[in-house]
C-alpha atoms as a PDB file:
ATOM      1  CA  MET A   1       0.129  -0.282  -0.287  1.00  0.00           C
ATOM      2  CA  VAL A   2       3.366   2.496  -0.023  1.00  0.00           C
ATOM      3  CA  ASP A   3       3.509   4.561  -3.046  1.00  0.00           C
ATOM      4  CA  VAL A   4       6.386   6.160  -1.737  1.00  0.00           C
ATOM      5  CA  THR A   5       9.825   5.070   0.366  1.00  0.00           C
ATOM      6  CA  VAL A   6      12.439   7.221   1.463  1.00  0.00           C
ATOM      7  CA  PHE A   7      15.130   6.565   3.559  1.00  0.00           C
ATOM      8  CA  GLY A   8      16.542   9.924   5.469  1.00  0.00           C
ATOM      9  CA  ALA A   9      14.453  11.427   8.154  1.00  0.00           C
ATOM     10  CA  GLY A  10      16.356  14.766   7.875  1.00  0.00           C
ATOM     11  CA  ALA A  11      15.937  18.217   5.821  1.00  0.00           C
ATOM     12  CA  PHE A  12      15.550  16.686   2.194  1.00  0.00           C
ATOM     13  CA  GLY A  13      13.961  13.044   3.502  1.00  0.00           C
ATOM     14  CA  LEU A  14      10.914  14.776   5.538  1.00  0.00           C
ATOM     15  CA  SER A  15      10.283  17.597   2.678  1.00  0.00           C
ATOM     16  CA  VAL A  16       9.931  15.259  -0.035  1.00  0.00           C
ATOM     17  CA  ALA A  17       7.988  12.715   2.094  1.00  0.00           C
ATOM     18  CA  TRP A  18       5.737  15.660   3.061  1.00  0.00           C
ATOM     19  CA  ALA A  19       5.558  16.762  -0.478  1.00  0.00           C
ATOM     20  CA  CYS A  20       4.343  13.180  -1.859  1.00  0.00           C
ATOM     21  CA  ALA A  21       1.949  13.080   0.661  1.00  0.00           C
ATOM     22  CA  ARG A  22       0.608  16.394   0.312  1.00  0.00           C
ATOM     23  CA  ARG A  23      -0.231  15.208  -3.161  1.00  0.00           C
ATOM     24  CA  GLY A  24      -2.387  11.704  -1.647  1.00  0.00           C
ATOM     25  CA  ALA A  25       1.229   9.306  -2.102  1.00  0.00           C
ATOM     26  CA  LYS A  26       0.989   7.051   0.996  1.00  0.00           C
ATOM     27  CA  VAL A  27       4.611   7.478   2.029  1.00  0.00           C
ATOM     28  CA  ARG A  28       7.191   5.211   4.417  1.00  0.00           C
ATOM     29  CA  VAL A  29      10.176   7.553   6.085  1.00  0.00           C
ATOM     30  CA  ILE A  30      12.291   4.932   7.157  1.00  0.00           C
ATOM     31  CA  ASP A  31      15.771   6.145   9.214  1.00  0.00           C
ATOM     32  CA  PRO A  32      17.573   3.904  12.033  1.00  0.00           C
ATOM     33  CA  TYR A  33      18.109   7.082  13.937  1.00  0.00           C
ATOM     34  CA  GLY A  34      15.091   8.373  14.241  1.00  0.00           C
ATOM     35  CA  VAL A  35      13.556  11.964  12.926  1.00  0.00           C
ATOM     36  CA  GLY A  36      16.259  15.064  12.636  1.00  0.00           C
ATOM     37  CA  ALA A  37      18.656  12.657  14.106  1.00  0.00           C
ATOM     38  CA  GLY A  38      21.746  14.267  11.984  1.00  0.00           C
ATOM     39  CA  ALA A  39      22.299  17.794  11.119  1.00  0.00           C
ATOM     40  CA  SER A  40      18.619  18.329  10.629  1.00  0.00           C
ATOM     41  CA  GLY A  41      18.855  18.412  14.227  1.00  0.00           C
ATOM     42  CA  GLY A  42      20.946  21.711  14.879  1.00  0.00           C
ATOM     43  CA  LEU A  43      19.886  24.610  16.709  1.00  0.00           C
ATOM     44  CA  VAL A  44      20.847  27.224  13.931  1.00  0.00           C
ATOM     45  CA  GLY A  45      18.174  27.225  10.956  1.00  0.00           C
ATOM     46  CA  ALA A  46      19.743  30.380   9.415  1.00  0.00           C
ATOM     47  CA  LEU A  47      17.451  30.806   5.964  1.00  0.00           C
ATOM     48  CA  ALA A  48      19.191  33.334   4.174  1.00  0.00           C
ATOM     49  CA  PRO A  49      19.599  34.081   0.683  1.00  0.00           C
ATOM     50  CA  HIS A  50      22.800  34.099  -1.562  1.00  0.00           C
ATOM     51  CA  THR A  51      23.854  37.288  -3.028  1.00  0.00           C
ATOM     52  CA  PRO A  52      21.556  39.247  -5.542  1.00  0.00           C
ATOM     53  CA  GLU A  53      24.148  39.286  -8.235  1.00  0.00           C
ATOM     54  CA  ASN A  54      25.645  36.924 -10.895  1.00  0.00           C
ATOM     55  CA  TRP A  55      22.438  34.939 -10.763  1.00  0.00           C
ATOM     56  CA  ASN A  56      22.437  31.205 -11.818  1.00  0.00           C
ATOM     57  CA  ASP A  57      20.059  28.807 -11.452  1.00  0.00           C
ATOM     58  CA  LYS A  58      20.854  27.609  -7.864  1.00  0.00           C
ATOM     59  CA  LYS A  59      20.707  31.321  -6.902  1.00  0.00           C
ATOM     60  CA  GLN A  60      17.014  31.278  -8.314  1.00  0.00           C
ATOM     61  CA  PHE A  61      15.898  27.921  -7.009  1.00  0.00           C
ATOM     62  CA  GLN A  62      16.879  28.944  -3.379  1.00  0.00           C
ATOM     63  CA  PHE A  63      15.301  32.357  -3.635  1.00  0.00           C
ATOM     64  CA  GLU A  64      11.748  30.508  -5.325  1.00  0.00           C
ATOM     65  CA  SER A  65      12.343  28.462  -2.305  1.00  0.00           C
ATOM     66  CA  LEU A  66      12.724  31.642   0.450  1.00  0.00           C
ATOM     67  CA  ILE A  67       9.541  33.216  -1.570  1.00  0.00           C
ATOM     68  CA  MET A  68       7.266  29.767  -1.283  1.00  0.00           C
ATOM     69  CA  ALA A  69       8.669  29.057   2.583  1.00  0.00           C
ATOM     70  CA  GLU A  70       5.934  30.874   4.334  1.00  0.00           C
ATOM     71  CA  ASP A  71       3.153  29.198   2.627  1.00  0.00           C
ATOM     72  CA  TRP A  72       4.439  25.570   2.845  1.00  0.00           C
ATOM     73  CA  TRP A  73       5.418  25.878   6.730  1.00  0.00           C
ATOM     74  CA  ALA A  74       2.698  27.230   7.750  1.00  0.00           C
ATOM     75  CA  ASP A  75       0.554  24.351   5.858  1.00  0.00           C
ATOM     76  CA  VAL A  76       3.214  21.913   7.819  1.00  0.00           C
ATOM     77  CA  ALA A  77       2.019  23.317  10.961  1.00  0.00           C
ATOM     78  CA  ALA A  78      -1.673  23.329  10.216  1.00  0.00           C
ATOM     79  CA  SER A  79      -1.867  19.978   8.460  1.00  0.00           C
ATOM     80  CA  GLY A  80       0.435  18.359  12.003  1.00  0.00           C
ATOM     81  CA  GLY A  81      -0.402  20.417  14.634  1.00  0.00           C
ATOM     82  CA  VAL A  82       3.319  21.537  15.576  1.00  0.00           C
ATOM     83  CA  SER A  83       5.497  25.089  14.971  1.00  0.00           C
ATOM     84  CA  PRO A  84       8.825  24.519  12.792  1.00  0.00           C
ATOM     85  CA  GLY A  85       9.827  27.859  14.731  1.00  0.00           C
ATOM     86  CA  TYR A  86       9.190  29.006  11.449  1.00  0.00           C
ATOM     87  CA  GLY A  87       9.332  33.008  11.046  1.00  0.00           C
ATOM     88  CA  ARG A  88      10.675  35.597   7.095  1.00  0.00           C
ATOM     89  CA  THR A  89      12.114  38.090   9.801  1.00  0.00           C
ATOM     90  CA  GLY A  90      15.218  39.263   7.909  1.00  0.00           C
ATOM     91  CA  ARG A  91      18.752  39.696   8.347  1.00  0.00           C
ATOM     92  CA  LEU A  92      20.913  42.132   9.398  1.00  0.00           C
ATOM     93  CA  GLN A  93      25.018  42.322   8.518  1.00  0.00           C
ATOM     94  CA  PRO A  94      27.602  44.958   9.449  1.00  0.00           C
ATOM     95  CA  ILE A  95      29.820  46.537   6.820  1.00  0.00           C
ATOM     96  CA  ALA A  96      32.764  46.731   7.396  1.00  0.00           C
ATOM     97  CA  ASP A  97      34.844  49.346   4.913  1.00  0.00           C
ATOM     98  CA  GLN A  98      33.997  52.159   1.959  1.00  0.00           C
ATOM     99  CA  ARG A  99      34.472  48.996  -0.427  1.00  0.00           C
ATOM    100  CA  ALA A 100      32.117  46.719   1.263  1.00  0.00           C
ATOM    101  CA  LEU A 101      29.317  49.473   1.603  1.00  0.00           C
ATOM    102  CA  ASP A 102      29.730  50.527  -2.774  1.00  0.00           C
ATOM    103  CA  LEU A 103      29.470  46.956  -3.220  1.00  0.00           C
ATOM    104  CA  ALA A 104      26.575  46.695  -0.894  1.00  0.00           C
ATOM    105  CA  ARG A 105      24.501  49.663  -2.821  1.00  0.00           C
ATOM    106  CA  LYS A 106      25.008  47.995  -5.652  1.00  0.00           C
ATOM    107  CA  ARG A 107      23.421  44.955  -4.263  1.00  0.00           C
ATOM    108  CA  GLU A 108      20.750  47.476  -3.601  1.00  0.00           C
ATOM    109  CA  VAL A 109      20.181  48.407  -7.134  1.00  0.00           C
ATOM    110  CA  SER A 110      20.620  44.583  -8.272  1.00  0.00           C
ATOM    111  CA  SER A 111      18.205  43.135  -6.127  1.00  0.00           C
ATOM    112  CA  ARG A 112      15.323  45.395  -7.090  1.00  0.00           C
ATOM    113  CA  GLU A 113      14.901  43.362 -10.459  1.00  0.00           C
ATOM    114  CA  LEU A 114      16.632  39.570  -9.391  1.00  0.00           C
ATOM    115  CA  TRP A 115      14.135  39.831  -6.105  1.00  0.00           C
ATOM    116  CA  GLN A 116      11.189  40.416  -8.331  1.00  0.00           C
ATOM    117  CA  GLY A 117       9.717  43.513  -5.692  1.00  0.00           C
ATOM    118  CA  LYS A 118       9.383  40.588  -3.656  1.00  0.00           C
ATOM    119  CA  ALA A 119      11.885  41.290  -0.855  1.00  0.00           C
ATOM    120  CA  LYS A 120      14.455  43.867  -0.857  1.00  0.00           C
ATOM    121  CA  TRP A 121      18.347  44.095  -0.053  1.00  0.00           C
ATOM    122  CA  GLN A 122      18.963  47.612   1.300  1.00  0.00           C
ATOM    123  CA  VAL A 123      22.022  49.614   3.164  1.00  0.00           C
ATOM    124  CA  ILE A 124      20.893  51.140   6.281  1.00  0.00           C
ATOM    125  CA  GLU A 125      22.066  53.365   9.193  1.00  0.00           C
ATOM    126  CA  ALA A 126      22.912  51.069  12.184  1.00  0.00           C
ATOM    127  CA  ALA A 127      21.557  53.272  14.496  1.00  0.00           C
ATOM    128  CA  VAL A 128      18.074  52.542  13.120  1.00  0.00           C
ATOM    129  CA  ALA A 129      18.952  48.556  14.061  1.00  0.00           C
ATOM    130  CA  GLY A 130      18.680  49.723  17.897  1.00  0.00           C
ATOM    131  CA  GLY A 131      20.297  47.738  20.664  1.00  0.00           C
ATOM    132  CA  TRP A 132      20.430  44.357  18.346  1.00  0.00           C
ATOM    133  CA  ALA A 133      22.484  45.933  15.842  1.00  0.00           C
ATOM    134  CA  PRO A 134      25.928  43.982  15.215  1.00  0.00           C
ATOM    135  CA  VAL A 135      29.014  46.168  15.209  1.00  0.00           C
ATOM    136  CA  SER A 136      29.580  48.062  12.368  1.00  0.00           C
ATOM    137  CA  ALA A 137      32.881  49.920  11.525  1.00  0.00           C
ATOM    138  CA  THR A 138      31.145  52.531   8.366  1.00  0.00           C
ATOM    139  CA  GLY A 139      28.054  52.408  10.715  1.00  0.00           C
ATOM    140  CA  TYR A 140      26.136  51.111   7.961  1.00  0.00           C
ATOM    141  CA  LEU A 141      23.949  47.679   7.682  1.00  0.00           C
ATOM    142  CA  ILE A 142      22.605  45.509   5.344  1.00  0.00           C
ATOM    143  CA  HIS A 143      18.900  45.041   5.735  1.00  0.00           C
ATOM    144  CA  ASP A 144      17.382  42.132   3.566  1.00  0.00           C
ATOM    145  CA  THR A 145      13.516  41.134   4.177  1.00  0.00           C
ATOM    146  CA  LEU A 146      14.279  38.060   2.346  1.00  0.00           C
ATOM    147  CA  SER A 147      16.116  35.631   5.365  1.00  0.00           C
ATOM    148  CA  ALA A 148      14.215  33.931   7.007  1.00  0.00           C
ATOM    149  CA  ARG A 149      14.127  31.347  10.203  1.00  0.00           C
ATOM    150  CA  MET A 150      13.333  28.820  11.737  1.00  0.00           C
ATOM    151  CA  PHE A 151      14.172  25.981  14.424  1.00  0.00           C
ATOM    152  CA  PRO A 152      15.456  22.587  12.690  1.00  0.00           C
ATOM    153  CA  ARG A 153      14.658  20.541  15.145  1.00  0.00           C
ATOM    154  CA  SER A 154      10.865  21.786  15.490  1.00  0.00           C
ATOM    155  CA  ALA A 155      10.758  21.888  11.812  1.00  0.00           C
ATOM    156  CA  ALA A 156      12.238  18.244  11.465  1.00  0.00           C
ATOM    157  CA  ALA A 157       9.188  17.651  14.209  1.00  0.00           C
ATOM    158  CA  ALA A 158       6.914  19.391  12.420  1.00  0.00           C
ATOM    159  CA  LEU A 159       7.542  17.771   8.992  1.00  0.00           C
ATOM    160  CA  ALA A 160       6.892  14.160  10.568  1.00  0.00           C
ATOM    161  CA  ALA A 161       4.109  15.325  12.324  1.00  0.00           C
ATOM    162  CA  ALA A 162       2.279  16.141   9.208  1.00  0.00           C
ATOM    163  CA  ILE A 163       3.415  12.946   7.286  1.00  0.00           C
ATOM    164  CA  VAL A 164       1.380  11.123  10.612  1.00  0.00           C
ATOM    165  CA  ALA A 165      -1.419  13.458  10.139  1.00  0.00           C
ATOM    166  CA  SER A 166      -1.403  12.255   6.744  1.00  0.00           C
ATOM    167  CA  GLY A 167      -1.675   8.809   6.700  1.00  0.00           C
ATOM    168  CA  GLY A 168       1.934   8.043   5.778  1.00  0.00           C
ATOM    169  CA  GLU A 169       4.310   6.452   8.361  1.00  0.00           C
ATOM    170  CA  ILE A 170       7.636   6.887   9.870  1.00  0.00           C
ATOM    171  CA  THR A 171      10.072   4.216  11.190  1.00  0.00           C
ATOM    172  CA  THR A 172      13.744   2.632  12.093  1.00  0.00           C
ATOM    173  CA  GLU A 173      13.215  -0.225   9.770  1.00  0.00           C
ATOM    174  CA  GLY A 174      11.345  -1.683   6.842  1.00  0.00           C
ATOM    175  CA  PRO A 175      11.027  -2.882   3.429  1.00  0.00           C
ATOM    176  CA  GLU A 176      11.267  -0.935  -0.103  1.00  0.00           C
ATOM    177  CA  ALA A 177       7.506  -0.164  -1.443  1.00  0.00           C
ATOM    178  CA  GLY A 178       6.899   1.833  -4.621  1.00  0.00           C
ATOM    179  CA  LYS A 179       9.296   4.572  -5.733  1.00  0.00           C
ATOM    180  CA  VAL A 180      12.261   5.069  -3.599  1.00  0.00           C
ATOM    181  CA  VAL A 181      14.213   7.962  -2.764  1.00  0.00           C
ATOM    182  CA  TRP A 182      17.580   8.365  -0.783  1.00  0.00           C
ATOM    183  CA  ALA A 183      18.101  10.807   1.332  1.00  0.00           C
ATOM    184  CA  THR A 184      20.589  10.041   3.705  1.00  0.00           C
ATOM    185  CA  GLY A 185      22.522  12.549   4.171  1.00  0.00           C
ATOM    186  CA  TRP A 186      26.496  12.870   4.422  1.00  0.00           C
ATOM    187  CA  GLN A 187      26.703   9.074   4.697  1.00  0.00           C
ATOM    188  CA  GLY A 188      24.553   8.531   1.291  1.00  0.00           C
ATOM    189  CA  LEU A 189      27.244  11.113  -0.208  1.00  0.00           C
ATOM    190  CA  VAL A 190      30.403   8.696   0.707  1.00  0.00           C
ATOM    191  CA  GLU A 191      28.373   5.899  -0.170  1.00  0.00           C
ATOM    192  CA  LEU A 192      27.860   7.490  -3.911  1.00  0.00           C
ATOM    193  CA  SER A 193      31.385   8.775  -3.924  1.00  0.00           C
ATOM    194  CA  THR A 194      32.505   5.548  -3.205  1.00  0.00           C
ATOM    195  CA  GLN A 195      30.126   4.022  -6.096  1.00  0.00           C
ATOM    196  CA  ALA A 196      31.566   6.590  -8.805  1.00  0.00           C
ATOM    197  CA  GLY A 197      35.345   5.938  -8.011  1.00  0.00           C
ATOM    198  CA  ARG A 198      35.923   9.930  -7.471  1.00  0.00           C
ATOM    199  CA  MET A 199      35.137  12.090  -4.769  1.00  0.00           C
ATOM    200  CA  VAL A 200      31.160  13.647  -5.554  1.00  0.00           C
ATOM    201  CA  GLY A 201      30.550  14.654  -1.886  1.00  0.00           C
ATOM    202  CA  ASN A 202      31.428  14.233   2.044  1.00  0.00           C
ATOM    203  CA  GLY A 203      30.796  15.444   5.147  1.00  0.00           C
ATOM    204  CA  VAL A 204      31.596  18.908   6.832  1.00  0.00           C
ATOM    205  CA  LYS A 205      31.199  19.079  10.573  1.00  0.00           C
ATOM    206  CA  GLY A 206      29.639  22.109  12.027  1.00  0.00           C
ATOM    207  CA  GLN A 207      30.164  22.924  15.838  1.00  0.00           C
ATOM    208  CA  ALA A 208      27.211  25.515  17.098  1.00  0.00           C
ATOM    209  CA  ALA A 209      25.768  26.964  20.671  1.00  0.00           C
ATOM    210  CA  LEU A 210      21.913  27.730  22.001  1.00  0.00           C
ATOM    211  CA  LEU A 211      21.632  30.685  24.118  1.00  0.00           C
ATOM    212  CA  THR A 212      19.121  31.924  26.706  1.00  0.00           C
ATOM    213  CA  LEU A 213      17.902  35.518  25.226  1.00  0.00           C
ATOM    214  CA  ALA A 214      14.775  36.085  24.122  1.00  0.00           C
ATOM    215  CA  ARG A 215      14.418  38.209  21.171  1.00  0.00           C
ATOM    216  CA  PRO A 216      11.502  36.003  19.137  1.00  0.00           C
ATOM    217  CA  VAL A 217      10.937  38.634  16.397  1.00  0.00           C
ATOM    218  CA  ALA A 218      14.314  40.183  15.604  1.00  0.00           C
ATOM    219  CA  PRO A 219      16.370  39.600  12.549  1.00  0.00           C
ATOM    220  CA  GLN A 220      19.139  37.106  12.099  1.00  0.00           C
ATOM    221  CA  LEU A 221      22.676  38.627  12.119  1.00  0.00           C
ATOM    222  CA  TYR A 222      25.567  37.325   9.982  1.00  0.00           C
ATOM    223  CA  ALA A 223      28.927  39.032  11.336  1.00  0.00           C
ATOM    224  CA  ASP A 224      32.085  37.798  11.514  1.00  0.00           C
ATOM    225  CA  ALA A 225      31.473  34.842   9.289  1.00  0.00           C
ATOM    226  CA  LEU A 226      28.747  34.090  12.216  1.00  0.00           C
ATOM    227  CA  HIS A 227      25.087  33.105  11.846  1.00  0.00           C
ATOM    228  CA  ILE A 228      23.006  34.644  14.882  1.00  0.00           C
ATOM    229  CA  ILE A 229      19.586  33.071  14.762  1.00  0.00           C
ATOM    230  CA  PRO A 230      17.011  34.526  17.844  1.00  0.00           C
ATOM    231  CA  HIS A 231      14.114  31.545  17.978  1.00  0.00           C
ATOM    232  CA  GLU A 232      10.683  32.278  18.468  1.00  0.00           C
ATOM    233  CA  ASN A 233      11.632  29.851  22.029  1.00  0.00           C
ATOM    234  CA  GLY A 234      13.486  32.581  23.716  1.00  0.00           C
ATOM    235  CA  THR A 235      17.230  31.484  22.770  1.00  0.00           C
ATOM    236  CA  VAL A 236      19.543  32.528  20.096  1.00  0.00           C
ATOM    237  CA  ALA A 237      21.423  30.158  18.217  1.00  0.00           C
ATOM    238  CA  ILE A 238      25.299  30.731  17.169  1.00  0.00           C
ATOM    239  CA  GLY A 239      27.324  28.963  14.459  1.00  0.00           C
ATOM    240  CA  SER A 240      28.613  27.241  13.082  1.00  0.00           C
ATOM    241  CA  THR A 241      32.145  26.128  12.078  1.00  0.00           C
ATOM    242  CA  SER A 242      33.027  24.250   9.230  1.00  0.00           C
ATOM    243  CA  GLU A 243      35.636  21.546   9.572  1.00  0.00           C
ATOM    244  CA  ARG A 244      36.570  19.051   6.673  1.00  0.00           C
ATOM    245  CA  GLU A 245      38.787  16.795   8.906  1.00  0.00           C
ATOM    246  CA  PHE A 246      37.468  15.824  12.368  1.00  0.00           C
ATOM    247  CA  ASP A 247      38.030  12.596  14.542  1.00  0.00           C
ATOM    248  CA  ASP A 248      34.301  12.472  16.287  1.00  0.00           C
ATOM    249  CA  LEU A 249      31.469  13.411  14.641  1.00  0.00           C
ATOM    250  CA  ALA A 250      29.487  14.613  17.732  1.00  0.00           C
ATOM    251  CA  THR A 251      31.727  16.790  20.444  1.00  0.00           C
ATOM    252  CA  THR A 252      32.611  20.032  20.764  1.00  0.00           C
ATOM    253  CA  ASP A 253      36.176  21.878  21.847  1.00  0.00           C
ATOM    254  CA  ALA A 254      37.611  25.183  21.803  1.00  0.00           C
ATOM    255  CA  GLN A 255      36.039  25.845  18.330  1.00  0.00           C
ATOM    256  CA  LEU A 256      32.805  26.805  19.374  1.00  0.00           C
ATOM    257  CA  ASP A 257      34.322  28.917  22.144  1.00  0.00           C
ATOM    258  CA  ASP A 258      35.804  30.683  19.641  1.00  0.00           C
ATOM    259  CA  VAL A 259      32.566  31.196  17.800  1.00  0.00           C
ATOM    260  CA  ILE A 260      30.720  32.644  21.013  1.00  0.00           C
ATOM    261  CA  ALA A 261      33.499  34.884  21.891  1.00  0.00           C
ATOM    262  CA  ARG A 262      33.473  36.028  18.362  1.00  0.00           C
ATOM    263  CA  ALA A 263      29.349  36.666  18.322  1.00  0.00           C
ATOM    264  CA  ARG A 264      29.601  38.211  21.673  1.00  0.00           C
ATOM    265  CA  ARG A 265      32.167  40.479  20.419  1.00  0.00           C
ATOM    266  CA  ALA A 266      29.934  41.227  16.977  1.00  0.00           C
ATOM    267  CA  VAL A 267      26.967  41.311  19.041  1.00  0.00           C
ATOM    268  CA  PRO A 268      26.921  43.444  22.402  1.00  0.00           C
ATOM    269  CA  ALA A 269      23.568  42.259  23.129  1.00  0.00           C
ATOM    270  CA  LEU A 270      24.587  38.765  23.692  1.00  0.00           C
ATOM    271  CA  GLU A 271      27.104  39.752  26.753  1.00  0.00           C
ATOM    272  CA  GLY A 272      25.779  38.002  29.576  1.00  0.00           C
ATOM    273  CA  ALA A 273      23.499  35.228  27.615  1.00  0.00           C
ATOM    274  CA  GLU A 274      23.965  31.971  29.030  1.00  0.00           C
ATOM    275  CA  VAL A 275      25.226  29.176  26.834  1.00  0.00           C
ATOM    276  CA  ILE A 276      22.187  26.061  27.392  1.00  0.00           C
ATOM    277  CA  GLU A 277      23.415  23.610  24.888  1.00  0.00           C
ATOM    278  CA  ARG A 278      26.395  22.773  22.725  1.00  0.00           C
ATOM    279  CA  TRP A 279      26.534  21.281  19.697  1.00  0.00           C
ATOM    280  CA  ALA A 280      27.828  18.949  16.876  1.00  0.00           C
ATOM    281  CA  GLY A 281      27.113  17.523  13.664  1.00  0.00           C
ATOM    282  CA  VAL A 282      28.231  16.810  10.420  1.00  0.00           C
ATOM    283  CA  ARG A 283      26.460  18.074   7.508  1.00  0.00           C
ATOM    284  CA  PRO A 284      26.037  16.850   3.844  1.00  0.00           C
ATOM    285  CA  ARG A 285      28.267  18.750   1.260  1.00  0.00           C
ATOM    286  CA  ALA A 286      28.341  18.240  -2.335  1.00  0.00           C
ATOM    287  CA  LYS A 287      32.075  18.704  -4.414  1.00  0.00           C
ATOM    288  CA  SER A 288      29.393  21.527  -6.777  1.00  0.00           C
ATOM    289  CA  ARG A 289      28.116  22.746  -3.266  1.00  0.00           C
ATOM    290  CA  ALA A 290      24.404  22.429  -5.115  1.00  0.00           C
ATOM    291  CA  PRO A 291      21.947  19.855  -4.161  1.00  0.00           C
ATOM    292  CA  VAL A 292      22.415  16.482  -5.537  1.00  0.00           C
ATOM    293  CA  LEU A 293      18.692  15.915  -7.002  1.00  0.00           C
ATOM    294  CA  GLY A 294      16.946  13.309  -9.476  1.00  0.00           C
ATOM    295  CA  PRO A 295      17.048  10.134 -10.475  1.00  0.00           C
ATOM    296  CA  HIS A 296      19.469   7.740  -8.683  1.00  0.00           C
ATOM    297  CA  PRO A 297      22.646   7.007 -10.850  1.00  0.00           C
ATOM    298  CA  PHE A 298      23.333   3.502  -9.393  1.00  0.00           C
ATOM    299  CA  ARG A 299      20.105   2.027  -8.333  1.00  0.00           C
ATOM    300  CA  GLU A 300      17.894   2.089 -11.413  1.00  0.00           C
ATOM    301  CA  GLY A 301      14.421   3.537 -11.275  1.00  0.00           C
ATOM    302  CA  GLN A 302      15.048   5.034  -7.405  1.00  0.00           C
ATOM    303  CA  PHE A 303      16.120   8.667  -6.854  1.00  0.00           C
ATOM    304  CA  ILE A 304      18.169  10.942  -4.168  1.00  0.00           C
ATOM    305  CA  ALA A 305      18.034  14.245  -2.698  1.00  0.00           C
ATOM    306  CA  ASN A 306      20.734  15.045  -0.811  1.00  0.00           C
ATOM    307  CA  GLY A 307      23.764  17.683  -0.459  1.00  0.00           C
ATOM    308  CA  GLY A 308      21.667  20.201   1.438  1.00  0.00           C
ATOM    309  CA  PHE A 309      25.119  21.669   3.253  1.00  0.00           C
ATOM    310  CA  LYS A 310      24.226  24.973   4.828  1.00  0.00           C
ATOM    311  CA  ILE A 311      20.940  25.690   3.067  1.00  0.00           C
ATOM    312  CA  GLY A 312      19.315  22.237   3.249  1.00  0.00           C
ATOM    313  CA  PHE A 313      15.613  23.786   5.390  1.00  0.00           C
ATOM    314  CA  GLY A 314      16.257  27.126   2.965  1.00  0.00           C
ATOM    315  CA  MET A 315      15.323  24.905   0.023  1.00  0.00           C
ATOM    316  CA  ALA A 316      13.395  22.403   1.670  1.00  0.00           C
ATOM    317  CA  PRO A 317      10.503  24.179   0.280  1.00  0.00           C
ATOM    318  CA  LYS A 318      11.229  23.873  -3.480  1.00  0.00           C
ATOM    319  CA  THR A 319      13.222  20.271  -3.132  1.00  0.00           C
ATOM    320  CA  GLY A 320       9.922  18.987  -1.616  1.00  0.00           C
ATOM    321  CA  GLU A 321       8.132  20.171  -4.488  1.00  0.00           C
ATOM    322  CA  VAL A 322      10.275  19.320  -7.679  1.00  0.00           C
ATOM    323  CA  MET A 323      11.395  15.685  -6.345  1.00  0.00           C
ATOM    324  CA  ALA A 324       7.573  15.192  -5.752  1.00  0.00           C
ATOM    325  CA  ASP A 325       6.862  16.048  -9.584  1.00  0.00           C
ATOM    326  CA  LEU A 326       9.457  13.950 -11.301  1.00  0.00           C
ATOM    327  CA  ILE A 327       8.842  10.909  -8.486  1.00  0.00           C
ATOM    328  CA  LEU A 328       4.961  11.072  -8.902  1.00  0.00           C
ATOM    329  CA  GLU A 329       3.985  13.039 -12.487  1.00  0.00           C
ATOM    330  CA  GLY A 330       7.191  12.239 -14.234  1.00  0.00           C
ATOM    331  CA  CYS A 331       7.356  15.730 -14.779  1.00  0.00           C
ATOM    332  CA  ASP A 332      11.196  17.051 -14.364  1.00  0.00           C
ATOM    333  CA  ARG A 333      11.662  20.927 -13.372  1.00  0.00           C
ATOM    334  CA  ILE A 334      14.870  19.543 -11.987  1.00  0.00           C
ATOM    335  CA  PRO A 335      17.724  22.007 -12.604  1.00  0.00           C
ATOM    336  CA  GLU A 336      20.814  20.511 -15.238  1.00  0.00           C
ATOM    337  CA  GLY A 337      23.489  21.438 -12.262  1.00  0.00           C
ATOM    338  CA  PHE A 338      21.641  19.670  -9.893  1.00  0.00           C
ATOM    339  CA  LYS A 339      21.227  16.449 -11.140  1.00  0.00           C
ATOM    340  CA  PRO A 340      23.619  13.565  -9.934  1.00  0.00           C
ATOM    341  CA  ASP A 341      25.218  12.995 -13.432  1.00  0.00           C
ATOM    342  CA  ALA A 342      26.406  16.803 -13.350  1.00  0.00           C
ATOM    343  CA  SER A 343      28.453  15.504 -10.203  1.00  0.00           C
ATOM    344  CA  LEU A 344      30.067  12.184 -11.187  1.00  0.00           C
END
């Protein structure tokens, strides 16, 4: 009775399963470690766009996903009764010097066309942002209204609840049935690399921290290469490191101490906020840095959805829908650069 089996209960696997379920398919999600057990069970949840310049298929895909996200996540919440912690609260970034200020103003102009009037990228005075503003050497900030946030664990739980409410099944084991999708994270990319005989993708470890500080409707910040995300649950997440080499998948160390210290220097409002959780996990990064979506190159008649890396939840709504188009209707709307053959 199962129409679609999805291996992997992370951002991509759950999103594909939900997109199929909302179209009436009977879905089964199988993950031996449970929902959001990997990188999708993290803390940060920055749904942030690429810069509005040098436009390409990846930037267009992400833009469309971020634009559709508000309604998409609202449908998830309404269907399953669990909040994903979504909010399109925007983002502030400090501007370091005159060169960066000139570039930001050029991007302000290009964003009007590329973002189609659906969101803004603008230069503002730091004083306008009040006490939540990050330190800016020029006194100016970039403010964009496209960025959003969600709490990854809550988003994974919300998707799982919506799938179950639709009649789907989430289990730690079970047989394949119907159409099969592999969304198995960084381990899946390593397996794909082994099958291909060359590097297709791997895992990149990230460390993040969660602080107690209630700024539930404040914009997220990007300062000193760090994401600083106020969540609706009265916490602020800070992340993350990017570690290509690591011995332990889930331990934190002095690198996270440095991240926390840098965040406090960049955002004085964080001084004194208590650290309540330290987290580490491994994110799936394809060699191309683009998601890997489409027919599985080594499993005939099956599919793959992987490589979300740092933008998995931001890409999730659009990824789920284009994969459902392909799986259920045979309609291929996946950018050529995302297809598995492009990575091999």
